C-alpha atoms as a PDB file:
ATOM      1  CA  MET A   1     152.477  86.821  98.220  1.00  0.00           C
ATOM      2  CA  GLY A   2     149.292  88.781  97.462  1.00  0.00           C
ATOM      3  CA  ARG A   3     146.334  87.061  95.896  1.00  0.00           C
ATOM      4  CA  ARG A   4     145.886  87.896  92.227  1.00  0.00           C
ATOM      5  CA  ARG A   5     142.625  89.668  91.423  1.00  0.00           C
ATOM      6  CA  LYS A   6     140.266  87.873  89.098  1.00  0.00           C
ATOM      7  CA  GLY A   7     138.983  89.653  86.015  1.00  0.00           C
ATOM      8  CA  ARG A   8     140.270  91.597  83.055  1.00  0.00           C
ATOM      9  CA  ASP A   9     143.186  93.960  83.541  1.00  0.00           C
ATOM     10  CA  ILE A  10     141.646  97.066  81.962  1.00  0.00           C
ATOM     11  CA  SER A  11     142.161 100.742  82.738  1.00  0.00           C
ATOM     12  CA  GLY A  12     140.158 103.870  82.006  1.00  0.00           C
ATOM     13  CA  ILE A  13     137.163 105.926  83.094  1.00  0.00           C
ATOM     14  CA  LEU A  14     133.568 105.028  82.298  1.00  0.00           C
ATOM     15  CA  LEU A  15     131.068 107.897  82.408  1.00  0.00           C
ATOM     16  CA  LEU A  16     127.962 106.218  83.733  1.00  0.00           C
ATOM     17  CA  ASN A  17     124.543 107.847  83.774  1.00  0.00           C
ATOM     18  CA  LYS A  18     123.601 106.463  87.174  1.00  0.00           C
ATOM     19  CA  PRO A  19     119.963 105.364  87.348  1.00  0.00           C
ATOM     20  CA  ALA A  20     117.681 106.335  90.220  1.00  0.00           C
ATOM     21  CA  GLY A  21     117.213 103.810  92.989  1.00  0.00           C
ATOM     22  CA  ARG A  22     120.809 102.620  93.177  1.00  0.00           C
ATOM     23  CA  THR A  23     123.665 103.656  95.421  1.00  0.00           C
ATOM     24  CA  SER A  24     126.833 104.755  93.669  1.00  0.00           C
ATOM     25  CA  ASN A  25     128.626 101.730  95.072  1.00  0.00           C
ATOM     26  CA  SER A  26     126.059  99.243  93.780  1.00  0.00           C
ATOM     27  CA  ALA A  27     126.151 100.898  90.345  1.00  0.00           C
ATOM     28  CA  MET A  28     129.947 100.590  90.331  1.00  0.00           C
ATOM     29  CA  VAL A  29     129.731  96.901  91.317  1.00  0.00           C
ATOM     30  CA  VAL A  30     127.364  96.203  88.419  1.00  0.00           C
ATOM     31  CA  CYS A  31     129.672  98.008  85.976  1.00  0.00           C
ATOM     32  CA  ARG A  32     132.643  96.068  87.252  1.00  0.00           C
ATOM     33  CA  ALA A  33     130.737  92.809  86.711  1.00  0.00           C
ATOM     34  CA  ILE A  34     129.645  93.830  83.204  1.00  0.00           C
ATOM     35  CA  TYR A  35     133.231  94.638  82.264  1.00  0.00           C
ATOM     36  CA  ASN A  36     134.608  91.669  84.227  1.00  0.00           C
ATOM     37  CA  ALA A  37     137.167  94.159  85.496  1.00  0.00           C
ATOM     38  CA  ALA A  38     139.812  93.162  88.019  1.00  0.00           C
ATOM     39  CA  LYS A  39     139.663  96.514  89.835  1.00  0.00           C
ATOM     40  CA  ALA A  40     137.131  99.351  89.963  1.00  0.00           C
ATOM     41  CA  GLY A  41     136.037 102.312  92.057  1.00  0.00           C
ATOM     42  CA  HIS A  42     133.710 105.303  91.788  1.00  0.00           C
ATOM     43  CA  THR A  43     134.533 108.966  92.252  1.00  0.00           C
ATOM     44  CA  GLY A  44     132.017 110.472  94.649  1.00  0.00           C
ATOM     45  CA  ALA A  45     128.715 109.211  95.963  1.00  0.00           C
ATOM     46  CA  LEU A  46     125.341 110.152  94.536  1.00  0.00           C
ATOM     47  CA  ASP A  47     122.222 109.617  96.625  1.00  0.00           C
ATOM     48  CA  PRO A  48     120.069 106.641  95.570  1.00  0.00           C
ATOM     49  CA  LEU A  49     117.428 109.120  94.359  1.00  0.00           C
ATOM     50  CA  ALA A  50     119.967 110.921  92.159  1.00  0.00           C
ATOM     51  CA  THR A  51     120.812 110.263  88.522  1.00  0.00           C
ATOM     52  CA  GLY A  52     123.502 111.495  86.193  1.00  0.00           C
ATOM     53  CA  VAL A  53     127.257 111.679  85.772  1.00  0.00           C
ATOM     54  CA  LEU A  54     129.118 109.078  87.820  1.00  0.00           C
ATOM     55  CA  PRO A  55     132.706 108.464  86.681  1.00  0.00           C
ATOM     56  CA  VAL A  56     133.668 104.842  87.330  1.00  0.00           C
ATOM     57  CA  CYS A  57     137.400 104.139  87.315  1.00  0.00           C
ATOM     58  CA  PHE A  58     138.909 100.819  86.249  1.00  0.00           C
ATOM     59  CA  GLY A  59     142.407  99.486  86.865  1.00  0.00           C
ATOM     60  CA  GLU A  60     145.184 102.071  86.962  1.00  0.00           C
ATOM     61  CA  ALA A  61     142.635 104.897  86.710  1.00  0.00           C
ATOM     62  CA  THR A  62     141.629 104.198  90.334  1.00  0.00           C
ATOM     63  CA  LYS A  63     144.985 105.684  91.405  1.00  0.00           C
ATOM     64  CA  PHE A  64     143.790 109.094  90.236  1.00  0.00           C
ATOM     65  CA  SER A  65     140.160 108.988  91.370  1.00  0.00           C
ATOM     66  CA  GLN A  66     140.871 111.528  94.124  1.00  0.00           C
ATOM     67  CA  PHE A  67     141.259 114.243  91.505  1.00  0.00           C
ATOM     68  CA  LEU A  68     137.656 113.641  90.397  1.00  0.00           C
ATOM     69  CA  LEU A  69     136.492 113.364  93.999  1.00  0.00           C
ATOM     70  CA  ASP A  70     137.993 116.810  94.654  1.00  0.00           C
ATOM     71  CA  ALA A  71     136.600 118.375  91.467  1.00  0.00           C
ATOM     72  CA  ASP A  72     133.659 120.752  91.213  1.00  0.00           C
ATOM     73  CA  LYS A  73     130.248 119.278  90.395  1.00  0.00           C
ATOM     74  CA  ALA A  74     127.081 120.637  88.756  1.00  0.00           C
ATOM     75  CA  TYR A  75     123.476 119.576  89.323  1.00  0.00           C
ATOM     76  CA  ARG A  76     119.959 120.194  88.137  1.00  0.00           C
ATOM     77  CA  SER A  77     117.402 119.652  90.888  1.00  0.00           C
ATOM     78  CA  ARG A  78     113.704 120.042  91.611  1.00  0.00           C
ATOM     79  CA  PHE A  79     112.929 121.446  95.056  1.00  0.00           C
ATOM     80  CA  ILE A  80     109.574 121.116  96.819  1.00  0.00           C
ATOM     81  CA  PHE A  81     108.644 123.810  99.335  1.00  0.00           C
ATOM     82  CA  GLY A  82     105.967 123.176 101.954  1.00  0.00           C
ATOM     83  CA  GLN A  83     107.308 119.879 103.289  1.00  0.00           C
ATOM     84  CA  ASN A  84     110.294 118.672 105.284  1.00  0.00           C
ATOM     85  CA  THR A  85     111.301 115.004 105.089  1.00  0.00           C
ATOM     86  CA  ASP A  86     113.567 113.076 107.422  1.00  0.00           C
ATOM     87  CA  THR A  87     116.098 112.458 104.631  1.00  0.00           C
ATOM     88  CA  ALA A  88     115.732 115.932 103.038  1.00  0.00           C
ATOM     89  CA  ASP A  89     114.647 114.255  99.799  1.00  0.00           C
ATOM     90  CA  ALA A  90     111.634 112.478  98.325  1.00  0.00           C
ATOM     91  CA  ASP A  91     112.859 109.072  99.528  1.00  0.00           C
ATOM     92  CA  GLY A  92     112.135 110.057 103.126  1.00  0.00           C
ATOM     93  CA  GLU A  93     109.035 110.365 105.280  1.00  0.00           C
ATOM     94  CA  VAL A  94     107.304 113.746 105.566  1.00  0.00           C
ATOM     95  CA  VAL A  95     107.955 115.051 109.080  1.00  0.00           C
ATOM     96  CA  SER A  96     106.395 118.535 108.824  1.00  0.00           C
ATOM     97  CA  GLU A  97     104.231 120.560 106.452  1.00  0.00           C
ATOM     98  CA  ALA A  98     103.454 124.244 106.041  1.00  0.00           C
ATOM     99  CA  ASP A  99     101.592 126.177 103.364  1.00  0.00           C
ATOM    100  CA  ALA A 100     104.114 127.618 100.874  1.00  0.00           C
ATOM    101  CA  SER A 101     101.539 129.722  98.989  1.00  0.00           C
ATOM    102  CA  GLN A 102     103.221 132.949 100.077  1.00  0.00           C
ATOM    103  CA  LEU A 103     106.416 132.022  98.234  1.00  0.00           C
ATOM    104  CA  THR A 104     107.013 133.997  95.034  1.00  0.00           C
ATOM    105  CA  LYS A 105     109.570 133.667  92.282  1.00  0.00           C
ATOM    106  CA  GLU A 106     111.028 137.076  93.127  1.00  0.00           C
ATOM    107  CA  ALA A 107     111.413 136.228  96.821  1.00  0.00           C
ATOM    108  CA  LEU A 108     113.005 132.884  96.017  1.00  0.00           C
ATOM    109  CA  GLU A 109     115.492 134.458  93.599  1.00  0.00           C
ATOM    110  CA  ALA A 110     116.458 136.999  96.243  1.00  0.00           C
ATOM    111  CA  ALA A 111     117.017 134.230  98.800  1.00  0.00           C
ATOM    112  CA  ILE A 112     119.042 132.142  96.336  1.00  0.00           C
ATOM    113  CA  ASP A 113     121.342 135.119  95.807  1.00  0.00           C
ATOM    114  CA  THR A 114     122.413 134.914  99.472  1.00  0.00           C
ATOM    115  CA  PHE A 115     123.630 131.335  98.969  1.00  0.00           C
ATOM    116  CA  ARG A 116     126.078 132.136  96.176  1.00  0.00           C
ATOM    117  CA  GLY A 117     129.813 132.263  96.846  1.00  0.00           C
ATOM    118  CA  ASP A 118     131.601 130.931  99.924  1.00  0.00           C
ATOM    119  CA  ILE A 119     129.095 129.717 102.503  1.00  0.00           C
ATOM    120  CA  GLU A 120     128.926 127.345 105.452  1.00  0.00           C
ATOM    121  CA  GLN A 121     126.614 124.371 105.266  1.00  0.00           C
ATOM    122  CA  VAL A 122     125.470 121.918 107.935  1.00  0.00           C
ATOM    123  CA  PRO A 123     125.566 118.386 106.457  1.00  0.00           C
ATOM    124  CA  PRO A 124     122.319 116.387 106.647  1.00  0.00           C
ATOM    125  CA  MET A 125     122.009 113.515 109.109  1.00  0.00           C
ATOM    126  CA  TYR A 126     121.358 111.177 106.194  1.00  0.00           C
ATOM    127  CA  SER A 127     124.898 111.379 104.828  1.00  0.00           C
ATOM    128  CA  ALA A 128     128.000 109.191 104.691  1.00  0.00           C
ATOM    129  CA  LEU A 129     129.968 111.477 107.003  1.00  0.00           C
ATOM    130  CA  LYS A 130     131.145 109.665 110.100  1.00  0.00           C
ATOM    131  CA  LYS A 131     130.737 110.293 113.821  1.00  0.00           C
ATOM    132  CA  ASP A 132     133.010 108.170 116.028  1.00  0.00           C
ATOM    133  CA  GLY A 133     133.598 105.868 113.085  1.00  0.00           C
ATOM    134  CA  ARG A 134     129.928 105.357 112.239  1.00  0.00           C
ATOM    135  CA  PRO A 135     128.183 106.861 109.180  1.00  0.00           C
ATOM    136  CA  LEU A 136     125.626 109.490 110.147  1.00  0.00           C
ATOM    137  CA  TYR A 137     122.912 107.712 108.140  1.00  0.00           C
ATOM    138  CA  GLU A 138     123.218 104.689 110.459  1.00  0.00           C
ATOM    139  CA  LEU A 139     122.503 106.911 113.457  1.00  0.00           C
ATOM    140  CA  ALA A 140     119.694 108.698 111.612  1.00  0.00           C
ATOM    141  CA  ARG A 141     117.943 105.403 110.859  1.00  0.00           C
ATOM    142  CA  LYS A 142     117.876 104.750 114.611  1.00  0.00           C
ATOM    143  CA  GLY A 143     116.337 108.146 115.269  1.00  0.00           C
ATOM    144  CA  ILE A 144     119.582 109.549 116.685  1.00  0.00           C
ATOM    145  CA  GLU A 145     120.556 113.086 115.754  1.00  0.00           C
ATOM    146  CA  VAL A 146     123.999 114.453 116.571  1.00  0.00           C
ATOM    147  CA  GLU A 147     125.567 117.870 116.341  1.00  0.00           C
ATOM    148  CA  ARG A 148     127.188 118.534 112.957  1.00  0.00           C
ATOM    149  CA  ALA A 149     129.717 121.295 112.516  1.00  0.00           C
ATOM    150  CA  PRO A 150     129.136 123.642 109.571  1.00  0.00           C
ATOM    151  CA  ARG A 151     131.478 123.002 106.656  1.00  0.00           C
ATOM    152  CA  PRO A 152     132.754 125.587 104.153  1.00  0.00           C
ATOM    153  CA  VAL A 153     131.628 125.067 100.550  1.00  0.00           C
ATOM    154  CA  THR A 154     131.566 127.274  97.478  1.00  0.00           C
ATOM    155  CA  ILE A 155     128.460 127.808  95.346  1.00  0.00           C
ATOM    156  CA  ARG A 156     129.834 129.062  92.036  1.00  0.00           C
ATOM    157  CA  ARG A 157     126.476 129.254  90.260  1.00  0.00           C
ATOM    158  CA  PHE A 158     122.933 128.918  91.623  1.00  0.00           C
ATOM    159  CA  GLU A 159     120.156 129.752  89.174  1.00  0.00           C
ATOM    160  CA  LEU A 160     116.382 129.392  89.311  1.00  0.00           C
ATOM    161  CA  GLU A 161     115.294 127.822  86.030  1.00  0.00           C
ATOM    162  CA  SER A 162     111.550 127.610  86.702  1.00  0.00           C
ATOM    163  CA  PHE A 163     109.048 128.139  89.501  1.00  0.00           C
ATOM    164  CA  ARG A 164     105.501 126.919  90.156  1.00  0.00           C
ATOM    165  CA  PRO A 165     103.705 128.573  93.083  1.00  0.00           C
ATOM    166  CA  GLY A 166     101.265 126.794  95.357  1.00  0.00           C
ATOM    167  CA  ALA A 167     100.772 125.256  98.772  1.00  0.00           C
ATOM    168  CA  LEU A 168     103.476 122.827  97.639  1.00  0.00           C
ATOM    169  CA  ALA A 169     105.604 125.127  95.516  1.00  0.00           C
ATOM    170  CA  GLU A 170     108.164 123.703  93.084  1.00  0.00           C
ATOM    171  CA  ALA A 171     111.415 125.143  91.806  1.00  0.00           C
ATOM    172  CA  VAL A 172     113.896 123.764  89.300  1.00  0.00           C
ATOM    173  CA  VAL A 173     117.422 124.989  89.972  1.00  0.00           C
ATOM    174  CA  GLU A 174     120.901 124.530  88.557  1.00  0.00           C
ATOM    175  CA  VAL A 175     123.834 124.533  90.954  1.00  0.00           C
ATOM    176  CA  HIS A 176     127.574 124.514  90.203  1.00  0.00           C
ATOM    177  CA  CYS A 177     129.498 123.917  93.403  1.00  0.00           C
ATOM    178  CA  SER A 178     132.647 122.724  95.115  1.00  0.00           C
ATOM    179  CA  LYS A 179     133.135 119.207  96.411  1.00  0.00           C
ATOM    180  CA  GLY A 180     131.260 118.351  99.601  1.00  0.00           C
ATOM    181  CA  THR A 181     128.208 120.480  98.806  1.00  0.00           C
ATOM    182  CA  TYR A 182     124.860 118.927  99.726  1.00  0.00           C
ATOM    183  CA  ILE A 183     122.084 119.990  97.379  1.00  0.00           C
ATOM    184  CA  ARG A 184     119.570 118.601  99.893  1.00  0.00           C
ATOM    185  CA  SER A 185     120.875 121.075 102.475  1.00  0.00           C
ATOM    186  CA  LEU A 186     120.315 123.939 100.047  1.00  0.00           C
ATOM    187  CA  ALA A 187     116.664 122.909  99.699  1.00  0.00           C
ATOM    188  CA  VAL A 188     116.253 122.605 103.465  1.00  0.00           C
ATOM    189  CA  ASP A 189     117.970 125.921 104.166  1.00  0.00           C
ATOM    190  CA  LEU A 190     115.830 127.755 101.604  1.00  0.00           C
ATOM    191  CA  GLY A 191     112.744 126.197 103.184  1.00  0.00           C
ATOM    192  CA  GLU A 192     113.858 127.557 106.535  1.00  0.00           C
ATOM    193  CA  VAL A 193     114.210 131.064 105.080  1.00  0.00           C
ATOM    194  CA  PHE A 194     110.472 131.031 104.294  1.00  0.00           C
ATOM    195  CA  ALA A 195     109.438 128.933 107.325  1.00  0.00           C
ATOM    196  CA  CYS A 196     107.710 126.411 105.094  1.00  0.00           C
ATOM    197  CA  GLY A 197     110.191 123.574 104.798  1.00  0.00           C
ATOM    198  CA  GLY A 198     111.841 122.184 101.706  1.00  0.00           C
ATOM    199  CA  HIS A 199     113.297 119.019 100.230  1.00  0.00           C
ATOM    200  CA  VAL A 200     114.763 117.622  97.016  1.00  0.00           C
ATOM    201  CA  ALA A 201     112.300 115.819  94.761  1.00  0.00           C
ATOM    202  CA  GLU A 202     114.700 115.111  91.889  1.00  0.00           C
ATOM    203  CA  LEU A 203     118.463 115.420  91.530  1.00  0.00           C
ATOM    204  CA  HIS A 204     120.523 114.984  88.376  1.00  0.00           C
ATOM    205  CA  ARG A 205     124.280 115.496  88.208  1.00  0.00           C
ATOM    206  CA  ILE A 206     125.083 117.198  84.921  1.00  0.00           C
ATOM    207  CA  LYS A 207     128.842 117.566  85.381  1.00  0.00           C
ATOM    208  CA  ALA A 208     131.703 116.092  87.404  1.00  0.00           C
ATOM    209  CA  GLY A 209     135.055 117.780  86.936  1.00  0.00           C
ATOM    210  CA  PRO A 210     135.726 118.052  83.180  1.00  0.00           C
ATOM    211  CA  PHE A 211     133.018 115.535  82.250  1.00  0.00           C
ATOM    212  CA  ASP A 212     129.411 116.417  81.422  1.00  0.00           C
ATOM    213  CA  GLU A 213     126.337 114.310  80.810  1.00  0.00           C
ATOM    214  CA  SER A 214     126.739 114.368  77.015  1.00  0.00           C
ATOM    215  CA  GLY A 215     129.379 111.634  77.292  1.00  0.00           C
ATOM    216  CA  THR A 216     127.517 109.304  79.644  1.00  0.00           C
ATOM    217  CA  VAL A 217     126.177 105.838  78.895  1.00  0.00           C
ATOM    218  CA  THR A 218     123.355 103.952  80.580  1.00  0.00           C
ATOM    219  CA  MET A 219     123.531 100.616  82.332  1.00  0.00           C
ATOM    220  CA  ASP A 220     121.104  99.245  79.738  1.00  0.00           C
ATOM    221  CA  THR A 221     123.572 100.104  76.974  1.00  0.00           C
ATOM    222  CA  LEU A 222     126.400  98.424  78.872  1.00  0.00           C
ATOM    223  CA  GLN A 223     124.326  95.331  79.577  1.00  0.00           C
ATOM    224  CA  ALA A 224     123.286  95.035  75.925  1.00  0.00           C
ATOM    225  CA  LEU A 225     126.965  94.987  74.894  1.00  0.00           C
ATOM    226  CA  ARG A 226     127.789  92.439  77.578  1.00  0.00           C
ATOM    227  CA  ASP A 227     124.875  90.215  76.537  1.00  0.00           C
ATOM    228  CA  VAL A 228     126.546  89.727  73.143  1.00  0.00           C
ATOM    229  CA  GLU A 229     130.023  89.642  74.762  1.00  0.00           C
ATOM    230  CA  ASP A 230     131.118  92.735  72.845  1.00  0.00           C
ATOM    231  CA  PHE A 231     134.056  93.586  75.087  1.00  0.00           C
ATOM    232  CA  ASP A 232     135.666  95.642  72.315  1.00  0.00           C
ATOM    233  CA  GLY A 233     132.538  97.801  72.275  1.00  0.00           C
ATOM    234  CA  LEU A 234     132.597  98.115  76.058  1.00  0.00           C
ATOM    235  CA  ASP A 235     136.293  99.011  76.133  1.00  0.00           C
ATOM    236  CA  ALA A 236     135.773 101.640  73.422  1.00  0.00           C
ATOM    237  CA  LEU A 237     133.586 103.536  75.904  1.00  0.00           C
ATOM    238  CA  LEU A 238     136.472 103.986  78.353  1.00  0.00           C
ATOM    239  CA  ILE A 239     138.157 107.387  78.554  1.00  0.00           C
ATOM    240  CA  PRO A 240     141.923 107.677  79.174  1.00  0.00           C
ATOM    241  CA  VAL A 241     142.636 108.775  82.735  1.00  0.00           C
ATOM    242  CA  GLU A 242     144.646 111.806  81.580  1.00  0.00           C
ATOM    243  CA  ARG A 243     141.386 113.349  80.330  1.00  0.00           C
ATOM    244  CA  ALA A 244     140.414 113.854  83.966  1.00  0.00           C
ATOM    245  CA  LEU A 245     143.663 115.705  84.642  1.00  0.00           C
ATOM    246  CA  GLU A 246     143.740 118.218  81.804  1.00  0.00           C
ATOM    247  CA  HIS A 247     143.431 121.120  84.257  1.00  0.00           C
ATOM    248  CA  ILE A 248     146.878 120.217  85.677  1.00  0.00           C
ATOM    249  CA  PRO A 249     150.025 121.555  83.910  1.00  0.00           C
ATOM    250  CA  ALA A 250     151.663 118.904  81.714  1.00  0.00           C
ATOM    251  CA  LEU A 251     155.347 118.066  81.453  1.00  0.00           C
ATOM    252  CA  HIS A 252     156.636 116.242  78.369  1.00  0.00           C
ATOM    253  CA  LEU A 253     159.851 114.496  79.311  1.00  0.00           C
ATOM    254  CA  VAL A 254     162.970 113.504  77.463  1.00  0.00           C
ATOM    255  CA  GLU A 255     163.887 109.823  77.639  1.00  0.00           C
ATOM    256  CA  SER A 256     166.428 110.148  80.442  1.00  0.00           C
ATOM    257  CA  CYS A 257     164.069 112.100  82.728  1.00  0.00           C
ATOM    258  CA  ALA A 258     161.271 109.615  82.136  1.00  0.00           C
ATOM    259  CA  TYR A 259     163.639 106.736  82.926  1.00  0.00           C
ATOM    260  CA  TYR A 260     164.722 108.084  86.312  1.00  0.00           C
ATOM    261  CA  LEU A 261     161.213 109.186  87.296  1.00  0.00           C
ATOM    262  CA  ARG A 262     160.022 105.616  86.690  1.00  0.00           C
ATOM    263  CA  LEU A 263     162.714 104.496  89.129  1.00  0.00           C
ATOM    264  CA  GLY A 264     161.205 106.840  91.732  1.00  0.00           C
ATOM    265  CA  GLN A 265     163.930 109.459  91.533  1.00  0.00           C
ATOM    266  CA  ALA A 266     163.377 113.222  91.417  1.00  0.00           C
ATOM    267  CA  VAL A 267     164.813 114.983  88.364  1.00  0.00           C
ATOM    268  CA  PHE A 268     165.296 118.475  86.993  1.00  0.00           C
ATOM    269  CA  VAL A 269     163.057 119.175  83.982  1.00  0.00           C
ATOM    270  CA  ALA A 270     163.580 122.162  81.732  1.00  0.00           C
ATOM    271  CA  ASN A 271     160.799 124.764  81.755  1.00  0.00           C
ATOM    272  CA  ALA A 272     158.916 123.015  84.558  1.00  0.00           C
ATOM    273  CA  PRO A 273     156.585 125.060  86.806  1.00  0.00           C
ATOM    274  CA  THR A 274     158.146 126.312  90.024  1.00  0.00           C
ATOM    275  CA  GLU A 275     155.581 124.662  92.306  1.00  0.00           C
ATOM    276  CA  GLY A 276     152.506 122.477  92.443  1.00  0.00           C
ATOM    277  CA  THR A 277     151.341 119.289  90.761  1.00  0.00           C
ATOM    278  CA  VAL A 278     152.102 118.276  87.180  1.00  0.00           C
ATOM    279  CA  THR A 279     151.067 115.494  84.833  1.00  0.00           C
ATOM    280  CA  LEU A 280     153.906 113.501  83.312  1.00  0.00           C
ATOM    281  CA  PHE A 281     154.202 112.290  79.722  1.00  0.00           C
ATOM    282  CA  ASP A 282     157.135 110.319  78.317  1.00  0.00           C
ATOM    283  CA  GLU A 283     159.066 110.943  75.119  1.00  0.00           C
ATOM    284  CA  HIS A 284     156.371 109.113  73.130  1.00  0.00           C
ATOM    285  CA  GLY A 285     153.548 111.222  74.579  1.00  0.00           C
ATOM    286  CA  GLN A 286     152.311 108.377  76.788  1.00  0.00           C
ATOM    287  CA  PHE A 287     150.795 109.370  80.134  1.00  0.00           C
ATOM    288  CA  MET A 288     153.039 108.300  83.024  1.00  0.00           C
ATOM    289  CA  GLY A 289     151.254 109.708  86.043  1.00  0.00           C
ATOM    290  CA  ILE A 290     151.393 112.610  88.477  1.00  0.00           C
ATOM    291  CA  GLY A 291     154.425 114.439  89.842  1.00  0.00           C
ATOM    292  CA  GLU A 292     155.042 117.344  92.187  1.00  0.00           C
ATOM    293  CA  ILE A 293     157.595 120.153  92.171  1.00  0.00           C
ATOM    294  CA  LEU A 294     159.982 120.090  95.126  1.00  0.00           C
ATOM    295  CA  ASP A 295     161.372 123.200  96.825  1.00  0.00           C
ATOM    296  CA  ASP A 296     164.649 122.820  94.931  1.00  0.00           C
ATOM    297  CA  GLY A 297     162.837 122.770  91.570  1.00  0.00           C
ATOM    298  CA  ARG A 298     163.136 119.044  90.888  1.00  0.00           C
ATOM    299  CA  VAL A 299     160.136 116.983  89.807  1.00  0.00           C
ATOM    300  CA  LYS A 300     159.284 114.100  92.121  1.00  0.00           C
ATOM    301  CA  PRO A 301     157.047 111.201  91.022  1.00  0.00           C
ATOM    302  CA  ARG A 302     153.901 111.109  93.135  1.00  0.00           C
ATOM    303  CA  ARG A 303     151.706 108.485  91.495  1.00  0.00           C
ATOM    304  CA  LEU A 304     152.688 106.565  88.386  1.00  0.00           C
ATOM    305  CA  ILE A 305     150.947 104.171  86.026  1.00  0.00           C
ATOM    306  CA  ALA A 306     152.238 100.636  86.591  1.00  0.00           C
ATOM    307  CA  ASN A 307     153.699  98.219  84.051  1.00  0.00           C
ATOM    308  CA  MET A 308     155.006 100.802  81.625  1.00  0.00           C
END
């Protein structure tokens, strides 16, 4: 018999504005403690230096975190040209310097244009990707560098918002991209174009999937509510998990279909799509979970909310 988790049995998504200096995992652990939640997980790591939108899933919402992990992201970042660091961001040690005075706004915009669309990107050594079961950052901290295969990513939008020339030139950019994109690698690769080096000085995630920074809350706000034990106020900040899945076609089921799907059986549903993934809602409009369309047109339950 499995051991029962301690904590409150709550479900939903918290949009945290992650502070700088924390890993995504440590921020999630603090949120879980503040909420006294039985189960929690985050939906895609941000570097310790980074701030911004970090969806934290509680309870049943953790079953659907992959859909946020796979979603597009958007960032605002400040790049420094004229220096390379060992981590490709301002948290690292400077390993090389070169005068970036020759860099102009026009030249940078032209270079940025070549990074839009489908590109291949070499992940940085300081990343959570694994080599023979070990995270690359562990090897990097020991001074070990290994070959990394380029990975396909999509840069949907890459705009230069401001530019300050100089020996250490600065650029503020906004990037909308597919999952798995490393903004640090964009800074490094642009630095290589101009043979001056580059790294990320600041990084702020402004959007993750359907969620933008306008709906985020700070850890200070959460802690203030916890200090007065206002759990109703904390719970009111949670977003229903179906909000993260609004891009997926929805099926509203009659009672009999909902009944058999809850038993794990595939059913025929009128006017269902002919293929792909669907969200499932019962006859009362309550979210049930995720289903998929089989080759014969039936809807099969893929991941359902428990205790319905």
